[in-house]
Amino acid sequence: MTINGRTRGLPLRLGQFSGLVLGVLLALVMLQTPAFGELQVDAAQGVVSDSSTGLMWQRYTGNDGKGLTWDEAVSYCKALTLAGYDDWRLPESKELESIIHHLSYNPVVDTRAFPDTASSGYWSATPYDVNPDYAWRIDFYYVGYVNVSRKSNLYFVRAVRTQP
């Protein structure tokens, strides 16, 4: 606003202010996204290690990319032997959320680390407390939705293990 030939008010125009807000929001998202340097890919063994969480991930979608019920996903992970380890399990919801890469889109993971990730739902081991017939899943499309599904539905699986 100009009063008596002098500019009063905020020194930023609305467009400049919007850009500043967008930049701050982008920086906040980037701080919550795992840096690729934290993910060590062992392509020969088919695993990805995350130094920030201490987790080792199955690099490729399990069960040859075919959907499983929740019970089948739990059994698949328990029976998996990969990279010389046999202590694989279905990840908890928060663990699966940790590989969401907010700078990626459709799927929202770093595809250099997880190249065959479907833009679809992946089971977590976290049960839905309100109804034992449901469990939480992470959908790796758009922003990485967290949702519940009936355990009899078919979704993808990616096994995880905790590194010593």
C-alpha atoms as a PDB file:
ATOM      1  CA  MET A   1       0.000   0.000   0.000  1.00  0.00           C
ATOM      2  CA  THR A   2       1.305   3.490  -0.804  1.00  0.00           C
ATOM      3  CA  ILE A   3       0.643   6.390   1.563  1.00  0.00           C
ATOM      4  CA  ASN A   4       2.064   9.848   0.801  1.00  0.00           C
ATOM      5  CA  GLY A   5       4.343   8.298  -1.827  1.00  0.00           C
ATOM      6  CA  ARG A   6       5.865   5.825   0.636  1.00  0.00           C
ATOM      7  CA  THR A   7       5.259   2.061   0.558  1.00  0.00           C
ATOM      8  CA  ARG A   8       3.768   0.612   3.724  1.00  0.00           C
ATOM      9  CA  GLY A   9       3.059  -2.989   4.707  1.00  0.00           C
ATOM     10  CA  LEU A  10       4.840  -6.204   3.835  1.00  0.00           C
ATOM     11  CA  PRO A  11       7.887  -5.853   1.615  1.00  0.00           C
ATOM     12  CA  LEU A  12       6.850  -9.010  -0.292  1.00  0.00           C
ATOM     13  CA  ARG A  13       4.200  -9.134  -2.965  1.00  0.00           C
ATOM     14  CA  LEU A  14       1.661 -11.956  -2.776  1.00  0.00           C
ATOM     15  CA  GLY A  15       3.417 -13.909  -5.531  1.00  0.00           C
ATOM     16  CA  GLN A  16       6.747 -13.622  -3.740  1.00  0.00           C
ATOM     17  CA  PHE A  17       5.143 -14.681  -0.459  1.00  0.00           C
ATOM     18  CA  SER A  18       3.557 -17.750  -2.130  1.00  0.00           C
ATOM     19  CA  GLY A  19       6.934 -18.769  -3.527  1.00  0.00           C
ATOM     20  CA  LEU A  20       8.528 -18.408  -0.101  1.00  0.00           C
ATOM     21  CA  VAL A  21       5.834 -20.568   1.522  1.00  0.00           C
ATOM     22  CA  LEU A  22       6.176 -23.179  -1.211  1.00  0.00           C
ATOM     23  CA  GLY A  23       9.954 -23.237  -0.718  1.00  0.00           C
ATOM     24  CA  VAL A  24       9.612 -23.707   3.048  1.00  0.00           C
ATOM     25  CA  LEU A  25       7.061 -26.506   2.565  1.00  0.00           C
ATOM     26  CA  LEU A  26       9.318 -28.232   0.048  1.00  0.00           C
ATOM     27  CA  ALA A  27      12.246 -28.023   2.460  1.00  0.00           C
ATOM     28  CA  LEU A  28      10.138 -29.565   5.237  1.00  0.00           C
ATOM     29  CA  VAL A  29       9.083 -32.441   2.983  1.00  0.00           C
ATOM     30  CA  MET A  30      12.678 -33.025   1.934  1.00  0.00           C
ATOM     31  CA  LEU A  31      13.748 -33.243   5.576  1.00  0.00           C
ATOM     32  CA  GLN A  32      11.254 -36.086   6.097  1.00  0.00           C
ATOM     33  CA  THR A  33      12.341 -37.983   2.985  1.00  0.00           C
ATOM     34  CA  PRO A  34      15.181 -40.497   3.197  1.00  0.00           C
ATOM     35  CA  ALA A  35      18.202 -39.346   1.263  1.00  0.00           C
ATOM     36  CA  PHE A  36      19.457 -41.843  -1.282  1.00  0.00           C
ATOM     37  CA  GLY A  37      22.778 -41.846   0.566  1.00  0.00           C
ATOM     38  CA  GLU A  38      20.991 -43.482   3.515  1.00  0.00           C
ATOM     39  CA  LEU A  39      19.842 -46.341   1.282  1.00  0.00           C
ATOM     40  CA  GLN A  40      22.579 -48.786   0.323  1.00  0.00           C
ATOM     41  CA  VAL A  41      21.535 -51.051  -2.531  1.00  0.00           C
ATOM     42  CA  ASP A  42      23.060 -54.514  -2.807  1.00  0.00           C
ATOM     43  CA  ALA A  43      21.752 -55.450  -6.233  1.00  0.00           C
ATOM     44  CA  ALA A  44      23.517 -58.824  -6.237  1.00  0.00           C
ATOM     45  CA  GLN A  45      21.806 -59.866  -2.973  1.00  0.00           C
ATOM     46  CA  GLY A  46      18.484 -58.173  -3.787  1.00  0.00           C
ATOM     47  CA  VAL A  47      18.366 -56.052  -0.632  1.00  0.00           C
ATOM     48  CA  VAL A  48      18.382 -52.392   0.396  1.00  0.00           C
ATOM     49  CA  SER A  49      19.817 -51.310   3.757  1.00  0.00           C
ATOM     50  CA  ASP A  50      18.600 -48.093   5.366  1.00  0.00           C
ATOM     51  CA  SER A  51      21.249 -46.678   7.681  1.00  0.00           C
ATOM     52  CA  SER A  52      18.824 -44.162   9.212  1.00  0.00           C
ATOM     53  CA  THR A  53      16.377 -46.827  10.457  1.00  0.00           C
ATOM     54  CA  GLY A  54      18.600 -49.903  10.786  1.00  0.00           C
ATOM     55  CA  LEU A  55      16.275 -51.853   8.503  1.00  0.00           C
ATOM     56  CA  MET A  56      17.126 -54.107   5.583  1.00  0.00           C
ATOM     57  CA  TRP A  57      14.481 -54.325   2.867  1.00  0.00           C
ATOM     58  CA  GLN A  58      13.692 -56.822   0.168  1.00  0.00           C
ATOM     59  CA  ARG A  59      14.552 -54.791  -2.925  1.00  0.00           C
ATOM     60  CA  TYR A  60      11.949 -56.260  -5.244  1.00  0.00           C
ATOM     61  CA  THR A  61       8.255 -56.732  -4.589  1.00  0.00           C
ATOM     62  CA  GLY A  62       7.756 -60.164  -3.055  1.00  0.00           C
ATOM     63  CA  ASN A  63       5.842 -63.163  -4.388  1.00  0.00           C
ATOM     64  CA  ASP A  64       6.965 -62.367  -7.947  1.00  0.00           C
ATOM     65  CA  GLY A  65       4.842 -59.232  -7.893  1.00  0.00           C
ATOM     66  CA  LYS A  66       1.575 -61.066  -7.297  1.00  0.00           C
ATOM     67  CA  GLY A  67      -0.942 -59.899  -4.703  1.00  0.00           C
ATOM     68  CA  LEU A  68      -1.462 -61.805  -1.476  1.00  0.00           C
ATOM     69  CA  THR A  69      -3.963 -61.783   1.348  1.00  0.00           C
ATOM     70  CA  TRP A  70      -2.662 -60.452   4.648  1.00  0.00           C
ATOM     71  CA  ASP A  71      -2.205 -63.961   6.116  1.00  0.00           C
ATOM     72  CA  GLU A  72      -0.377 -65.084   2.971  1.00  0.00           C
ATOM     73  CA  ALA A  73       1.870 -61.982   3.159  1.00  0.00           C
ATOM     74  CA  VAL A  74       2.781 -62.759   6.784  1.00  0.00           C
ATOM     75  CA  SER A  75       3.572 -66.387   5.863  1.00  0.00           C
ATOM     76  CA  TYR A  76       5.550 -65.347   2.773  1.00  0.00           C
ATOM     77  CA  CYS A  77       7.816 -63.073   4.823  1.00  0.00           C
ATOM     78  CA  LYS A  78       8.351 -65.644   7.585  1.00  0.00           C
ATOM     79  CA  ALA A  79       9.364 -68.287   5.018  1.00  0.00           C
ATOM     80  CA  LEU A  80      11.648 -65.985   3.014  1.00  0.00           C
ATOM     81  CA  THR A  81      15.376 -66.643   2.866  1.00  0.00           C
ATOM     82  CA  LEU A  82      17.198 -63.799   1.136  1.00  0.00           C
ATOM     83  CA  ALA A  83      20.805 -62.570   1.167  1.00  0.00           C
ATOM     84  CA  GLY A  84      21.681 -65.330   3.642  1.00  0.00           C
ATOM     85  CA  TYR A  85      19.069 -64.247   6.209  1.00  0.00           C
ATOM     86  CA  ASP A  86      15.945 -66.085   7.318  1.00  0.00           C
ATOM     87  CA  ASP A  87      14.553 -63.587   9.850  1.00  0.00           C
ATOM     88  CA  TRP A  88      12.386 -61.626   7.416  1.00  0.00           C
ATOM     89  CA  ARG A  89       8.990 -60.327   8.475  1.00  0.00           C
ATOM     90  CA  LEU A  90       6.120 -58.182   7.276  1.00  0.00           C
ATOM     91  CA  PRO A  91       6.947 -54.550   8.174  1.00  0.00           C
ATOM     92  CA  GLU A  92       4.965 -52.493  10.650  1.00  0.00           C
ATOM     93  CA  SER A  93       3.063 -49.571   9.135  1.00  0.00           C
ATOM     94  CA  LYS A  94       5.566 -46.951  10.374  1.00  0.00           C
ATOM     95  CA  GLU A  95       8.466 -48.972   8.947  1.00  0.00           C
ATOM     96  CA  LEU A  96       6.815 -49.188   5.542  1.00  0.00           C
ATOM     97  CA  GLU A  97       6.071 -45.459   5.662  1.00  0.00           C
ATOM     98  CA  SER A  98       9.799 -44.820   6.184  1.00  0.00           C
ATOM     99  CA  ILE A  99      10.586 -45.711   2.552  1.00  0.00           C
ATOM    100  CA  ILE A 100       8.088 -43.218   1.135  1.00  0.00           C
ATOM    101  CA  HIS A 101      10.071 -40.755  -0.980  1.00  0.00           C
ATOM    102  CA  HIS A 102       8.046 -37.548  -1.148  1.00  0.00           C
ATOM    103  CA  LEU A 103      10.044 -36.189  -4.061  1.00  0.00           C
ATOM    104  CA  SER A 104       8.910 -39.108  -6.214  1.00  0.00           C
ATOM    105  CA  TYR A 105       5.518 -39.653  -7.753  1.00  0.00           C
ATOM    106  CA  ASN A 106       3.631 -42.734  -8.840  1.00  0.00           C
ATOM    107  CA  PRO A 107       5.203 -44.631  -7.096  1.00  0.00           C
ATOM    108  CA  VAL A 108       6.325 -42.553  -4.115  1.00  0.00           C
ATOM    109  CA  VAL A 109       9.534 -44.479  -3.445  1.00  0.00           C
ATOM    110  CA  ASP A 110      13.055 -44.014  -4.723  1.00  0.00           C
ATOM    111  CA  THR A 111      12.914 -46.314  -7.732  1.00  0.00           C
ATOM    112  CA  ARG A 112      16.714 -46.491  -7.834  1.00  0.00           C
ATOM    113  CA  ALA A 113      16.454 -48.501  -4.617  1.00  0.00           C
ATOM    114  CA  PHE A 114      13.068 -50.182  -5.201  1.00  0.00           C
ATOM    115  CA  PRO A 115      12.744 -50.360  -8.989  1.00  0.00           C
ATOM    116  CA  ASP A 116       9.639 -52.531  -9.366  1.00  0.00           C
ATOM    117  CA  THR A 117       7.418 -50.911  -6.743  1.00  0.00           C
ATOM    118  CA  ALA A 118       3.806 -50.864  -7.850  1.00  0.00           C
ATOM    119  CA  SER A 119       1.758 -47.695  -7.464  1.00  0.00           C
ATOM    120  CA  SER A 120      -0.583 -49.687  -5.314  1.00  0.00           C
ATOM    121  CA  GLY A 121      -1.089 -51.069  -1.819  1.00  0.00           C
ATOM    122  CA  TYR A 122       1.496 -52.990   0.229  1.00  0.00           C
ATOM    123  CA  TRP A 123       0.537 -54.850   3.398  1.00  0.00           C
ATOM    124  CA  SER A 124       1.890 -53.894   6.790  1.00  0.00           C
ATOM    125  CA  ALA A 125       1.924 -56.136   9.862  1.00  0.00           C
ATOM    126  CA  THR A 126      -0.005 -53.516  11.832  1.00  0.00           C
ATOM    127  CA  PRO A 127      -3.516 -54.747  12.674  1.00  0.00           C
ATOM    128  CA  TYR A 128      -6.478 -52.407  12.689  1.00  0.00           C
ATOM    129  CA  ASP A 129      -7.467 -52.246  16.365  1.00  0.00           C
ATOM    130  CA  VAL A 130     -11.123 -51.489  15.648  1.00  0.00           C
ATOM    131  CA  ASN A 131     -11.718 -54.636  13.605  1.00  0.00           C
ATOM    132  CA  PRO A 132      -9.485 -57.746  13.648  1.00  0.00           C
ATOM    133  CA  ASP A 133     -10.505 -58.583  10.058  1.00  0.00           C
ATOM    134  CA  TYR A 134      -8.610 -55.492   8.835  1.00  0.00           C
ATOM    135  CA  ALA A 135      -4.951 -54.413   8.712  1.00  0.00           C
ATOM    136  CA  TRP A 136      -3.099 -51.276   7.661  1.00  0.00           C
ATOM    137  CA  ARG A 137      -1.561 -50.913   4.212  1.00  0.00           C
ATOM    138  CA  ILE A 138       0.508 -48.251   2.476  1.00  0.00           C
ATOM    139  CA  ASP A 139      -0.448 -47.206  -1.044  1.00  0.00           C
ATOM    140  CA  PHE A 140       2.600 -46.044  -2.995  1.00  0.00           C
ATOM    141  CA  TYR A 141       0.770 -43.724  -5.357  1.00  0.00           C
ATOM    142  CA  TYR A 142       0.423 -39.946  -5.162  1.00  0.00           C
ATOM    143  CA  VAL A 143       1.537 -39.118  -1.605  1.00  0.00           C
ATOM    144  CA  GLY A 144       1.740 -42.556   0.018  1.00  0.00           C
ATOM    145  CA  TYR A 145      -1.691 -43.105   1.507  1.00  0.00           C
ATOM    146  CA  VAL A 146      -2.039 -45.047   4.733  1.00  0.00           C
ATOM    147  CA  ASN A 147      -5.301 -46.957   4.799  1.00  0.00           C
ATOM    148  CA  VAL A 148      -6.982 -50.074   6.173  1.00  0.00           C
ATOM    149  CA  SER A 149      -8.200 -53.049   4.175  1.00  0.00           C
ATOM    150  CA  ARG A 150      -9.928 -56.308   4.808  1.00  0.00           C
ATOM    151  CA  LYS A 151      -7.253 -58.967   5.328  1.00  0.00           C
ATOM    152  CA  SER A 152      -8.808 -61.119   2.591  1.00  0.00           C
ATOM    153  CA  ASN A 153      -8.020 -58.458  -0.069  1.00  0.00           C
ATOM    154  CA  LEU A 154      -4.982 -58.910  -2.303  1.00  0.00           C
ATOM    155  CA  TYR A 155      -2.093 -56.471  -1.979  1.00  0.00           C
ATOM    156  CA  PHE A 156       1.648 -56.543  -2.536  1.00  0.00           C
ATOM    157  CA  VAL A 157       4.332 -57.465  -0.036  1.00  0.00           C
ATOM    158  CA  ARG A 158       7.870 -56.246   0.672  1.00  0.00           C
ATOM    159  CA  ALA A 159       9.706 -58.012   3.490  1.00  0.00           C
ATOM    160  CA  VAL A 160      11.945 -56.324   6.035  1.00  0.00           C
ATOM    161  CA  ARG A 161      14.366 -57.363   8.746  1.00  0.00           C
ATOM    162  CA  THR A 162      16.072 -55.477  11.534  1.00  0.00           C
ATOM    163  CA  GLN A 163      19.848 -55.286  11.195  1.00  0.00           C
ATOM    164  CA  PRO A 164      21.902 -56.042  14.313  1.00  0.00           C
END
